[in-house]
Amino acid sequence: MAENPQSLEPLKGMPKGEMERVFPSGDRADVFFHRGDHWCVVEVKTARASSEEQTRGVFQCKKNEALMKAEKHMQGIGGSTEVILVLGGAVHPDARAAANTLGVKVLERIGV
C-alpha cells in the first residue's frame, strides 16, 4: 500500500507513503501519505483482527488524526487531514459502529 497508493481509491493521486512514521509525540502511524498540505494516515489490521482489535484501530485513527493536526499546527501548515482504517477481512459490526460514530473511513477485505 505504501509503495502503490493508487491501488486504493481514497489514495489515488498520493505519492508513495512512509511506513511507521513517527510523530513528535513518539507515536507511530502504520502508513503516512502527504501531498502538499493534505496529510493522510492509514491504520492497518490483518484479516485475523478481532472485533476489539478493529475497534482499537478506529480509536488509533482518531488519535493519529489529532496528532497530525497538532503537528501541522506547530509547523504552521494548513490544509486537510484524513484517516483510513484498512482491514484485511470484513469489518465487525462493533468496529463499524465506532467508525461511523467517529467519522473514520473503513476499507475492508483489502489484501494487507
PDB file of N, CA and C in Angstrom:
ATOM      1  N   MET A   1       0.814  -1.186   0.000  1.00  0.00           N
ATOM      2  CA  MET A   1       0.000   0.000   0.000  1.00  0.00           C
ATOM      3  C   MET A   1       0.862   1.257   0.000  1.00  0.00           C
ATOM      4  N   ALA A   2       1.905   1.266   0.820  1.00  0.00           N
ATOM      5  CA  ALA A   2       2.781   2.450   0.862  1.00  0.00           C
ATOM      6  C   ALA A   2       3.469   2.668  -0.478  1.00  0.00           C
ATOM      7  N   GLU A   3       3.822   1.572  -1.140  1.00  0.00           N
ATOM      8  CA  GLU A   3       4.521   1.658  -2.422  1.00  0.00           C
ATOM      9  C   GLU A   3       3.588   1.964  -3.587  1.00  0.00           C
ATOM     10  N   ASN A   4       2.314   1.577  -3.451  1.00  0.00           N
ATOM     11  CA  ASN A   4       1.360   1.737  -4.557  1.00  0.00           C
ATOM     12  C   ASN A   4       0.022   2.289  -4.049  1.00  0.00           C
ATOM     13  N   PRO A   5       0.009   3.549  -3.627  1.00  0.00           N
ATOM     14  CA  PRO A   5      -1.239   4.118  -3.106  1.00  0.00           C
ATOM     15  C   PRO A   5      -2.352   4.174  -4.152  1.00  0.00           C
ATOM     16  N   GLN A   6      -1.999   4.124  -5.419  1.00  0.00           N
ATOM     17  CA  GLN A   6      -3.010   4.189  -6.481  1.00  0.00           C
ATOM     18  C   GLN A   6      -3.947   2.994  -6.444  1.00  0.00           C
ATOM     19  N   SER A   7      -3.550   1.924  -5.721  1.00  0.00           N
ATOM     20  CA  SER A   7      -4.364   0.712  -5.673  1.00  0.00           C
ATOM     21  C   SER A   7      -5.621   0.890  -4.823  1.00  0.00           C
ATOM     22  N   LEU A   8      -5.691   1.932  -4.018  1.00  0.00           N
ATOM     23  CA  LEU A   8      -6.871   2.198  -3.190  1.00  0.00           C
ATOM     24  C   LEU A   8      -7.481   3.537  -3.591  1.00  0.00           C
ATOM     25  N   GLU A   9      -8.740   3.520  -3.879  1.00  0.00           N
ATOM     26  CA  GLU A   9      -9.443   4.710  -4.385  1.00  0.00           C
ATOM     27  C   GLU A   9      -9.173   5.969  -3.553  1.00  0.00           C
ATOM     28  N   PRO A  10      -9.301   5.921  -2.215  1.00  0.00           N
ATOM     29  CA  PRO A  10      -9.087   7.157  -1.454  1.00  0.00           C
ATOM     30  C   PRO A  10      -7.664   7.714  -1.522  1.00  0.00           C
ATOM     31  N   LEU A  11      -6.712   6.886  -1.963  1.00  0.00           N
ATOM     32  CA  LEU A  11      -5.319   7.331  -2.001  1.00  0.00           C
ATOM     33  C   LEU A  11      -4.835   7.692  -3.395  1.00  0.00           C
ATOM     34  N   LYS A  12      -5.713   7.628  -4.384  1.00  0.00           N
ATOM     35  CA  LYS A  12      -5.319   7.954  -5.756  1.00  0.00           C
ATOM     36  C   LYS A  12      -4.752   9.379  -5.787  1.00  0.00           C
ATOM     37  N   GLY A  13      -3.645   9.530  -6.476  1.00  0.00           N
ATOM     38  CA  GLY A  13      -3.004  10.835  -6.580  1.00  0.00           C
ATOM     39  C   GLY A  13      -1.959  11.091  -5.519  1.00  0.00           C
ATOM     40  N   MET A  14      -1.876  10.224  -4.519  1.00  0.00           N
ATOM     41  CA  MET A  14      -0.871  10.387  -3.472  1.00  0.00           C
ATOM     42  C   MET A  14       0.450   9.782  -3.926  1.00  0.00           C
ATOM     43  N   PRO A  15       1.562  10.415  -3.564  1.00  0.00           N
ATOM     44  CA  PRO A  15       2.861   9.780  -3.823  1.00  0.00           C
ATOM     45  C   PRO A  15       3.062   8.622  -2.846  1.00  0.00           C
ATOM     46  N   LYS A  16       4.145   7.891  -3.013  1.00  0.00           N
ATOM     47  CA  LYS A  16       4.441   6.764  -2.126  1.00  0.00           C
ATOM     48  C   LYS A  16       4.391   7.201  -0.670  1.00  0.00           C
ATOM     49  N   GLY A  17       3.960   6.272   0.177  1.00  0.00           N
ATOM     50  CA  GLY A  17       3.824   6.572   1.593  1.00  0.00           C
ATOM     51  C   GLY A  17       5.058   6.222   2.399  1.00  0.00           C
ATOM     52  N   GLU A  18       5.027   6.638   3.645  1.00  0.00           N
ATOM     53  CA  GLU A  18       6.108   6.395   4.596  1.00  0.00           C
ATOM     54  C   GLU A  18       5.603   5.411   5.643  1.00  0.00           C
ATOM     55  N   MET A  19       6.277   4.289   5.785  1.00  0.00           N
ATOM     56  CA  MET A  19       5.874   3.270   6.757  1.00  0.00           C
ATOM     57  C   MET A  19       6.401   3.642   8.145  1.00  0.00           C
ATOM     58  N   GLU A  20       5.581   3.350   9.156  1.00  0.00           N
ATOM     59  CA  GLU A  20       5.966   3.549  10.556  1.00  0.00           C
ATOM     60  C   GLU A  20       6.485   4.966  10.827  1.00  0.00           C
ATOM     61  N   ARG A  21       5.746   5.943  10.346  1.00  0.00           N
ATOM     62  CA  ARG A  21       6.143   7.340  10.559  1.00  0.00           C
ATOM     63  C   ARG A  21       5.990   7.694  12.041  1.00  0.00           C
ATOM     64  N   VAL A  22       6.984   8.326  12.585  1.00  0.00           N
ATOM     65  CA  VAL A  22       6.974   8.699  13.999  1.00  0.00           C
ATOM     66  C   VAL A  22       6.538  10.158  14.125  1.00  0.00           C
ATOM     67  N   PHE A  23       5.507  10.386  14.943  1.00  0.00           N
ATOM     68  CA  PHE A  23       5.066  11.744  15.251  1.00  0.00           C
ATOM     69  C   PHE A  23       5.979  12.328  16.328  1.00  0.00           C
ATOM     70  N   PRO A  24       5.997  13.645  16.480  1.00  0.00           N
ATOM     71  CA  PRO A  24       6.819  14.257  17.529  1.00  0.00           C
ATOM     72  C   PRO A  24       6.498  13.718  18.930  1.00  0.00           C
ATOM     73  N   SER A  25       5.305  13.183  19.122  1.00  0.00           N
ATOM     74  CA  SER A  25       4.907  12.617  20.416  1.00  0.00           C
ATOM     75  C   SER A  25       5.554  11.258  20.679  1.00  0.00           C
ATOM     76  N   GLY A  26       6.140  10.672  19.641  1.00  0.00           N
ATOM     77  CA  GLY A  26       6.705   9.333  19.764  1.00  0.00           C
ATOM     78  C   GLY A  26       5.761   8.249  19.265  1.00  0.00           C
ATOM     79  N   ASP A  27       4.492   8.598  19.035  1.00  0.00           N
ATOM     80  CA  ASP A  27       3.532   7.642  18.485  1.00  0.00           C
ATOM     81  C   ASP A  27       3.890   7.334  17.044  1.00  0.00           C
ATOM     82  N   ARG A  28       3.498   6.149  16.582  1.00  0.00           N
ATOM     83  CA  ARG A  28       3.801   5.729  15.210  1.00  0.00           C
ATOM     84  C   ARG A  28       2.518   5.513  14.413  1.00  0.00           C
ATOM     85  N   ALA A  29       2.567   5.922  13.159  1.00  0.00           N
ATOM     86  CA  ALA A  29       1.477   5.669  12.214  1.00  0.00           C
ATOM     87  C   ALA A  29       1.912   4.531  11.301  1.00  0.00           C
ATOM     88  N   ASP A  30       0.999   3.608  11.002  1.00  0.00           N
ATOM     89  CA  ASP A  30       1.347   2.488  10.131  1.00  0.00           C
ATOM     90  C   ASP A  30       1.854   2.993   8.780  1.00  0.00           C
ATOM     91  N   VAL A  31       1.055   3.810   8.107  1.00  0.00           N
ATOM     92  CA  VAL A  31       1.464   4.372   6.814  1.00  0.00           C
ATOM     93  C   VAL A  31       1.015   5.833   6.768  1.00  0.00           C
ATOM     94  N   PHE A  32       1.915   6.692   6.338  1.00  0.00           N
ATOM     95  CA  PHE A  32       1.653   8.132   6.262  1.00  0.00           C
ATOM     96  C   PHE A  32       1.825   8.582   4.812  1.00  0.00           C
ATOM     97  N   PHE A  33       0.858   9.318   4.320  1.00  0.00           N
ATOM     98  CA  PHE A  33       0.908   9.882   2.972  1.00  0.00           C
ATOM     99  C   PHE A  33       0.723  11.390   3.077  1.00  0.00           C
ATOM    100  N   HIS A  34       1.357  12.119   2.174  1.00  0.00           N
ATOM    101  CA  HIS A  34       1.048  13.547   2.096  1.00  0.00           C
ATOM    102  C   HIS A  34       1.291  14.044   0.679  1.00  0.00           C
ATOM    103  N   ARG A  35       0.445  14.950   0.323  1.00  0.00           N
ATOM    104  CA  ARG A  35       0.561  15.654  -0.957  1.00  0.00           C
ATOM    105  C   ARG A  35       0.266  17.109  -0.629  1.00  0.00           C
ATOM    106  N   GLY A  36       1.300  17.918  -0.675  1.00  0.00           N
ATOM    107  CA  GLY A  36       1.130  19.312  -0.295  1.00  0.00           C
ATOM    108  C   GLY A  36       0.694  19.412   1.153  1.00  0.00           C
ATOM    109  N   ASP A  37      -0.402  20.115   1.383  1.00  0.00           N
ATOM    110  CA  ASP A  37      -0.875  20.280   2.753  1.00  0.00           C
ATOM    111  C   ASP A  37      -1.977  19.272   3.126  1.00  0.00           C
ATOM    112  N   HIS A  38      -2.177  18.255   2.302  1.00  0.00           N
ATOM    113  CA  HIS A  38      -3.122  17.177   2.628  1.00  0.00           C
ATOM    114  C   HIS A  38      -2.337  15.998   3.194  1.00  0.00           C
ATOM    115  N   TRP A  39      -2.602  15.665   4.448  1.00  0.00           N
ATOM    116  CA  TRP A  39      -1.922  14.559   5.119  1.00  0.00           C
ATOM    117  C   TRP A  39      -2.927  13.445   5.383  1.00  0.00           C
ATOM    118  N   CYS A  40      -2.483  12.213   5.220  1.00  0.00           N
ATOM    119  CA  CYS A  40      -3.350  11.054   5.422  1.00  0.00           C
ATOM    120  C   CYS A  40      -2.571   9.952   6.146  1.00  0.00           C
ATOM    121  N   VAL A  41      -3.200   9.383   7.171  1.00  0.00           N
ATOM    122  CA  VAL A  41      -2.623   8.245   7.878  1.00  0.00           C
ATOM    123  C   VAL A  41      -3.544   7.051   7.698  1.00  0.00           C
ATOM    124  N   VAL A  42      -2.926   5.896   7.420  1.00  0.00           N
ATOM    125  CA  VAL A  42      -3.659   4.649   7.271  1.00  0.00           C
ATOM    126  C   VAL A  42      -3.244   3.711   8.397  1.00  0.00           C
ATOM    127  N   GLU A  43      -4.219   3.229   9.119  1.00  0.00           N
ATOM    128  CA  GLU A  43      -4.017   2.202  10.147  1.00  0.00           C
ATOM    129  C   GLU A  43      -4.396   0.873   9.505  1.00  0.00           C
ATOM    130  N   VAL A  44      -3.566  -0.147   9.683  1.00  0.00           N
ATOM    131  CA  VAL A  44      -3.768  -1.423   9.010  1.00  0.00           C
ATOM    132  C   VAL A  44      -3.989  -2.532  10.027  1.00  0.00           C
ATOM    133  N   LYS A  45      -5.010  -3.355   9.781  1.00  0.00           N
ATOM    134  CA  LYS A  45      -5.294  -4.542  10.602  1.00  0.00           C
ATOM    135  C   LYS A  45      -5.466  -5.739   9.675  1.00  0.00           C
ATOM    136  N   THR A  46      -4.919  -6.871  10.078  1.00  0.00           N
ATOM    137  CA  THR A  46      -4.974  -8.074   9.249  1.00  0.00           C
ATOM    138  C   THR A  46      -6.376  -8.690   9.255  1.00  0.00           C
ATOM    139  N   ALA A  47      -6.552  -9.691   8.413  1.00  0.00           N
ATOM    140  CA  ALA A  47      -7.833 -10.399   8.322  1.00  0.00           C
ATOM    141  C   ALA A  47      -8.169 -11.105   9.627  1.00  0.00           C
ATOM    142  N   ARG A  48      -7.177 -11.410  10.422  1.00  0.00           N
ATOM    143  CA  ARG A  48      -7.407 -12.116  11.693  1.00  0.00           C
ATOM    144  C   ARG A  48      -7.715 -11.189  12.862  1.00  0.00           C
ATOM    145  N   ALA A  49      -7.763  -9.902  12.625  1.00  0.00           N
ATOM    146  CA  ALA A  49      -8.011  -8.952  13.711  1.00  0.00           C
ATOM    147  C   ALA A  49      -9.397  -9.172  14.312  1.00  0.00           C
ATOM    148  N   SER A  50      -9.433  -9.236  15.623  1.00  0.00           N
ATOM    149  CA  SER A  50     -10.705  -9.406  16.343  1.00  0.00           C
ATOM    150  C   SER A  50     -11.523  -8.118  16.288  1.00  0.00           C
ATOM    151  N   SER A  51     -12.751  -8.208  16.724  1.00  0.00           N
ATOM    152  CA  SER A  51     -13.607  -7.025  16.812  1.00  0.00           C
ATOM    153  C   SER A  51     -12.955  -5.962  17.692  1.00  0.00           C
ATOM    154  N   GLU A  52     -12.385  -6.388  18.809  1.00  0.00           N
ATOM    155  CA  GLU A  52     -11.732  -5.460  19.728  1.00  0.00           C
ATOM    156  C   GLU A  52     -10.524  -4.793  19.071  1.00  0.00           C
ATOM    157  N   GLU A  53      -9.741  -5.579  18.322  1.00  0.00           N
ATOM    158  CA  GLU A  53      -8.562  -5.027  17.643  1.00  0.00           C
ATOM    159  C   GLU A  53      -8.975  -4.034  16.558  1.00  0.00           C
ATOM    160  N   GLN A  54     -10.038  -4.346  15.838  1.00  0.00           N
ATOM    161  CA  GLN A  54     -10.531  -3.420  14.822  1.00  0.00           C
ATOM    162  C   GLN A  54     -11.026  -2.128  15.464  1.00  0.00           C
ATOM    163  N   THR A  55     -11.753  -2.263  16.569  1.00  0.00           N
ATOM    164  CA  THR A  55     -12.247  -1.072  17.266  1.00  0.00           C
ATOM    165  C   THR A  55     -11.084  -0.248  17.795  1.00  0.00           C
ATOM    166  N   ARG A  56     -10.057  -0.922  18.295  1.00  0.00           N
ATOM    167  CA  ARG A  56      -8.853  -0.210  18.725  1.00  0.00           C
ATOM    168  C   ARG A  56      -8.250   0.549  17.539  1.00  0.00           C
ATOM    169  N   GLY A  57      -8.302  -0.054  16.345  1.00  0.00           N
ATOM    170  CA  GLY A  57      -7.814   0.609  15.139  1.00  0.00           C
ATOM    171  C   GLY A  57      -8.580   1.888  14.829  1.00  0.00           C
ATOM    172  N   VAL A  58      -9.885   1.867  15.067  1.00  0.00           N
ATOM    173  CA  VAL A  58     -10.704   3.073  14.863  1.00  0.00           C
ATOM    174  C   VAL A  58     -10.213   4.183  15.791  1.00  0.00           C
ATOM    175  N   PHE A  59      -9.993   3.836  17.062  1.00  0.00           N
ATOM    176  CA  PHE A  59      -9.525   4.835  18.016  1.00  0.00           C
ATOM    177  C   PHE A  59      -8.104   5.288  17.695  1.00  0.00           C
ATOM    178  N   GLN A  60      -7.271   4.385  17.187  1.00  0.00           N
ATOM    179  CA  GLN A  60      -5.915   4.758  16.773  1.00  0.00           C
ATOM    180  C   GLN A  60      -5.990   5.778  15.636  1.00  0.00           C
ATOM    181  N   CYS A  61      -6.932   5.581  14.727  1.00  0.00           N
ATOM    182  CA  CYS A  61      -7.120   6.546  13.636  1.00  0.00           C
ATOM    183  C   CYS A  61      -7.449   7.932  14.183  1.00  0.00           C
ATOM    184  N   LYS A  62      -8.348   7.992  15.144  1.00  0.00           N
ATOM    185  CA  LYS A  62      -8.718   9.296  15.712  1.00  0.00           C
ATOM    186  C   LYS A  62      -7.534   9.930  16.438  1.00  0.00           C
ATOM    187  N   LYS A  63      -6.750   9.110  17.134  1.00  0.00           N
ATOM    188  CA  LYS A  63      -5.562   9.633  17.801  1.00  0.00           C
ATOM    189  C   LYS A  63      -4.581  10.167  16.762  1.00  0.00           C
ATOM    190  N   ASN A  64      -4.366   9.407  15.688  1.00  0.00           N
ATOM    191  CA  ASN A  64      -3.458   9.862  14.632  1.00  0.00           C
ATOM    192  C   ASN A  64      -3.947  11.144  13.978  1.00  0.00           C
ATOM    193  N   GLU A  65      -5.249  11.271  13.821  1.00  0.00           N
ATOM    194  CA  GLU A  65      -5.807  12.493  13.255  1.00  0.00           C
ATOM    195  C   GLU A  65      -5.467  13.694  14.143  1.00  0.00           C
ATOM    196  N   ALA A  66      -5.626  13.527  15.451  1.00  0.00           N
ATOM    197  CA  ALA A  66      -5.301  14.605  16.382  1.00  0.00           C
ATOM    198  C   ALA A  66      -3.805  14.925  16.352  1.00  0.00           C
ATOM    199  N   LEU A  67      -2.976  13.897  16.248  1.00  0.00           N
ATOM    200  CA  LEU A  67      -1.529  14.111  16.187  1.00  0.00           C
ATOM    201  C   LEU A  67      -1.132  14.843  14.912  1.00  0.00           C
ATOM    202  N   MET A  68      -1.740  14.473  13.786  1.00  0.00           N
ATOM    203  CA  MET A  68      -1.438  15.181  12.537  1.00  0.00           C
ATOM    204  C   MET A  68      -1.822  16.648  12.646  1.00  0.00           C
ATOM    205  N   LYS A  69      -3.027  16.906  13.157  1.00  0.00           N
ATOM    206  CA  LYS A  69      -3.487  18.290  13.278  1.00  0.00           C
ATOM    207  C   LYS A  69      -2.564  19.093  14.192  1.00  0.00           C
ATOM    208  N   ALA A  70      -2.130  18.497  15.296  1.00  0.00           N
ATOM    209  CA  ALA A  70      -1.235  19.195  16.223  1.00  0.00           C
ATOM    210  C   ALA A  70       0.105  19.480  15.572  1.00  0.00           C
ATOM    211  N   GLU A  71       0.649  18.488  14.855  1.00  0.00           N
ATOM    212  CA  GLU A  71       1.938  18.688  14.196  1.00  0.00           C
ATOM    213  C   GLU A  71       1.836  19.763  13.120  1.00  0.00           C
ATOM    214  N   LYS A  72       0.778  19.717  12.339  1.00  0.00           N
ATOM    215  CA  LYS A  72       0.599  20.729  11.299  1.00  0.00           C
ATOM    216  C   LYS A  72       0.465  22.122  11.917  1.00  0.00           C
ATOM    217  N   HIS A  73      -0.269  22.213  13.014  1.00  0.00           N
ATOM    218  CA  HIS A  73      -0.447  23.494  13.698  1.00  0.00           C
ATOM    219  C   HIS A  73       0.906  24.024  14.187  1.00  0.00           C
ATOM    220  N   MET A  74       1.708  23.147  14.784  1.00  0.00           N
ATOM    221  CA  MET A  74       3.027  23.565  15.285  1.00  0.00           C
ATOM    222  C   MET A  74       3.935  24.035  14.151  1.00  0.00           C
ATOM    223  N   GLN A  75       3.765  23.454  12.969  1.00  0.00           N
ATOM    224  CA  GLN A  75       4.597  23.824  11.822  1.00  0.00           C
ATOM    225  C   GLN A  75       3.978  24.957  10.999  1.00  0.00           C
ATOM    226  N   GLY A  76       2.797  25.412  11.385  1.00  0.00           N
ATOM    227  CA  GLY A  76       2.144  26.484  10.646  1.00  0.00           C
ATOM    228  C   GLY A  76       1.628  26.043   9.293  1.00  0.00           C
ATOM    229  N   ILE A  77       1.257  24.772   9.184  1.00  0.00           N
ATOM    230  CA  ILE A  77       0.755  24.217   7.926  1.00  0.00           C
ATOM    231  C   ILE A  77      -0.763  24.095   8.022  1.00  0.00           C
ATOM    232  N   GLY A  78      -1.452  24.598   7.034  1.00  0.00           N
ATOM    233  CA  GLY A  78      -2.912  24.443   6.980  1.00  0.00           C
ATOM    234  C   GLY A  78      -3.273  23.148   6.287  1.00  0.00           C
ATOM    235  N   GLY A  79      -4.377  23.164   5.608  1.00  0.00           N
ATOM    236  CA  GLY A  79      -4.783  22.012   4.811  1.00  0.00           C
ATOM    237  C   GLY A  79      -5.588  20.993   5.575  1.00  0.00           C
ATOM    238  N   SER A  80      -5.758  19.862   4.926  1.00  0.00           N
ATOM    239  CA  SER A  80      -6.661  18.840   5.456  1.00  0.00           C
ATOM    240  C   SER A  80      -5.901  17.626   5.973  1.00  0.00           C
ATOM    241  N   THR A  81      -6.606  16.872   6.820  1.00  0.00           N
ATOM    242  CA  THR A  81      -6.101  15.604   7.323  1.00  0.00           C
ATOM    243  C   THR A  81      -7.165  14.544   7.070  1.00  0.00           C
ATOM    244  N   GLU A  82      -6.693  13.318   6.908  1.00  0.00           N
ATOM    245  CA  GLU A  82      -7.604  12.207   6.646  1.00  0.00           C
ATOM    246  C   GLU A  82      -7.042  10.963   7.319  1.00  0.00           C
ATOM    247  N   VAL A  83      -7.928  10.135   7.862  1.00  0.00           N
ATOM    248  CA  VAL A  83      -7.516   8.859   8.441  1.00  0.00           C
ATOM    249  C   VAL A  83      -8.354   7.746   7.826  1.00  0.00           C
ATOM    250  N   ILE A  84      -7.709   6.606   7.581  1.00  0.00           N
ATOM    251  CA  ILE A  84      -8.380   5.462   6.978  1.00  0.00           C
ATOM    252  C   ILE A  84      -7.955   4.208   7.722  1.00  0.00           C
ATOM    253  N   LEU A  85      -8.925   3.378   8.067  1.00  0.00           N
ATOM    254  CA  LEU A  85      -8.658   2.065   8.647  1.00  0.00           C
ATOM    255  C   LEU A  85      -8.789   1.039   7.537  1.00  0.00           C
ATOM    256  N   VAL A  86      -7.708   0.321   7.262  1.00  0.00           N
ATOM    257  CA  VAL A  86      -7.701  -0.704   6.215  1.00  0.00           C
ATOM    258  C   VAL A  86      -7.674  -2.067   6.886  1.00  0.00           C
ATOM    259  N   LEU A  87      -8.647  -2.900   6.533  1.00  0.00           N
ATOM    260  CA  LEU A  87      -8.774  -4.224   7.124  1.00  0.00           C
ATOM    261  C   LEU A  87      -8.566  -5.306   6.080  1.00  0.00           C
ATOM    262  N   GLY A  88      -7.855  -6.348   6.463  1.00  0.00           N
ATOM    263  CA  GLY A  88      -7.673  -7.480   5.578  1.00  0.00           C
ATOM    264  C   GLY A  88      -8.929  -8.325   5.462  1.00  0.00           C
ATOM    265  N   GLY A  89      -9.772  -8.277   6.458  1.00  0.00           N
ATOM    266  CA  GLY A  89     -11.025  -9.042   6.467  1.00  0.00           C
ATOM    267  C   GLY A  89     -12.224  -8.131   6.510  1.00  0.00           C
ATOM    268  N   ALA A  90     -13.363  -8.732   6.833  1.00  0.00           N
ATOM    269  CA  ALA A  90     -14.610  -7.975   6.943  1.00  0.00           C
ATOM    270  C   ALA A  90     -14.624  -7.182   8.248  1.00  0.00           C
ATOM    271  N   VAL A  91     -15.243  -6.026   8.198  1.00  0.00           N
ATOM    272  CA  VAL A  91     -15.352  -5.205   9.402  1.00  0.00           C
ATOM    273  C   VAL A  91     -16.408  -5.817  10.326  1.00  0.00           C
ATOM    274  N   HIS A  92     -16.071  -5.890  11.612  1.00  0.00           N
ATOM    275  CA  HIS A  92     -17.016  -6.377  12.619  1.00  0.00           C
ATOM    276  C   HIS A  92     -18.042  -5.286  12.911  1.00  0.00           C
ATOM    277  N   PRO A  93     -19.278  -5.659  13.226  1.00  0.00           N
ATOM    278  CA  PRO A  93     -20.324  -4.652  13.472  1.00  0.00           C
ATOM    279  C   PRO A  93     -19.957  -3.613  14.535  1.00  0.00           C
ATOM    280  N   ASP A  94     -19.308  -4.036  15.620  1.00  0.00           N
ATOM    281  CA  ASP A  94     -18.943  -3.075  16.672  1.00  0.00           C
ATOM    282  C   ASP A  94     -17.924  -2.055  16.153  1.00  0.00           C
ATOM    283  N   ALA A  95     -16.964  -2.534  15.360  1.00  0.00           N
ATOM    284  CA  ALA A  95     -15.963  -1.628  14.798  1.00  0.00           C
ATOM    285  C   ALA A  95     -16.610  -0.696  13.782  1.00  0.00           C
ATOM    286  N   ARG A  96     -17.551  -1.203  12.997  1.00  0.00           N
ATOM    287  CA  ARG A  96     -18.266  -0.372  12.023  1.00  0.00           C
ATOM    288  C   ARG A  96     -19.042   0.731  12.736  1.00  0.00           C
ATOM    289  N   ALA A  97     -19.703   0.374  13.829  1.00  0.00           N
ATOM    290  CA  ALA A  97     -20.467   1.367  14.589  1.00  0.00           C
ATOM    291  C   ALA A  97     -19.539   2.453  15.139  1.00  0.00           C
ATOM    292  N   ALA A  98     -18.396   2.054  15.672  1.00  0.00           N
ATOM    293  CA  ALA A  98     -17.435   3.026  16.209  1.00  0.00           C
ATOM    294  C   ALA A  98     -16.918   3.930  15.087  1.00  0.00           C
ATOM    295  N   ALA A  99     -16.593   3.331  13.947  1.00  0.00           N
ATOM    296  CA  ALA A  99     -16.085   4.112  12.812  1.00  0.00           C
ATOM    297  C   ALA A  99     -17.127   5.104  12.320  1.00  0.00           C
ATOM    298  N   ASN A 100     -18.368   4.666  12.220  1.00  0.00           N
ATOM    299  CA  ASN A 100     -19.442   5.563  11.775  1.00  0.00           C
ATOM    300  C   ASN A 100     -19.628   6.717  12.749  1.00  0.00           C
ATOM    301  N   THR A 101     -19.621   6.405  14.034  1.00  0.00           N
ATOM    302  CA  THR A 101     -19.817   7.433  15.058  1.00  0.00           C
ATOM    303  C   THR A 101     -18.680   8.445  15.059  1.00  0.00           C
ATOM    304  N   LEU A 102     -17.446   7.953  14.880  1.00  0.00           N
ATOM    305  CA  LEU A 102     -16.272   8.817  14.970  1.00  0.00           C
ATOM    306  C   LEU A 102     -15.802   9.374  13.628  1.00  0.00           C
ATOM    307  N   GLY A 103     -16.473   9.001  12.551  1.00  0.00           N
ATOM    308  CA  GLY A 103     -16.126   9.546  11.245  1.00  0.00           C
ATOM    309  C   GLY A 103     -14.830   9.010  10.665  1.00  0.00           C
ATOM    310  N   VAL A 104     -14.578   7.711  10.866  1.00  0.00           N
ATOM    311  CA  VAL A 104     -13.377   7.079  10.323  1.00  0.00           C
ATOM    312  C   VAL A 104     -13.768   6.258   9.095  1.00  0.00           C
ATOM    313  N   LYS A 105     -13.075   6.490   7.994  1.00  0.00           N
ATOM    314  CA  LYS A 105     -13.304   5.728   6.768  1.00  0.00           C
ATOM    315  C   LYS A 105     -12.705   4.342   6.944  1.00  0.00           C
ATOM    316  N   VAL A 106     -13.487   3.294   6.593  1.00  0.00           N
ATOM    317  CA  VAL A 106     -13.019   1.913   6.703  1.00  0.00           C
ATOM    318  C   VAL A 106     -13.047   1.257   5.329  1.00  0.00           C
ATOM    319  N   LEU A 107     -11.929   0.637   4.965  1.00  0.00           N
ATOM    320  CA  LEU A 107     -11.851  -0.176   3.749  1.00  0.00           C
ATOM    321  C   LEU A 107     -11.639  -1.604   4.199  1.00  0.00           C
ATOM    322  N   GLU A 108     -12.510  -2.501   3.779  1.00  0.00           N
ATOM    323  CA  GLU A 108     -12.420  -3.882   4.231  1.00  0.00           C
ATOM    324  C   GLU A 108     -12.088  -4.830   3.095  1.00  0.00           C
ATOM    325  N   ARG A 109     -11.617  -6.018   3.498  1.00  0.00           N
ATOM    326  CA  ARG A 109     -11.236  -7.088   2.573  1.00  0.00           C
ATOM    327  C   ARG A 109     -10.175  -6.616   1.568  1.00  0.00           C
ATOM    328  N   ILE A 110      -9.194  -5.921   2.090  1.00  0.00           N
ATOM    329  CA  ILE A 110      -8.090  -5.422   1.285  1.00  0.00           C
ATOM    330  C   ILE A 110      -6.881  -6.326   1.549  1.00  0.00           C
ATOM    331  N   GLY A 111      -6.199  -6.755   0.525  1.00  0.00           N
ATOM    332  CA  GLY A 111      -5.010  -7.594   0.716  1.00  0.00           C
ATOM    333  C   GLY A 111      -3.914  -6.837   1.433  1.00  0.00           C
ATOM    334  N   VAL A 112      -3.742  -7.149   2.716  1.00  0.00           N
ATOM    335  CA  VAL A 112      -2.704  -6.479   3.511  1.00  0.00           C
ATOM    336  C   VAL A 112      -1.675  -7.468   4.000  1.00  0.00           C
TER     337      VAL A 112
END
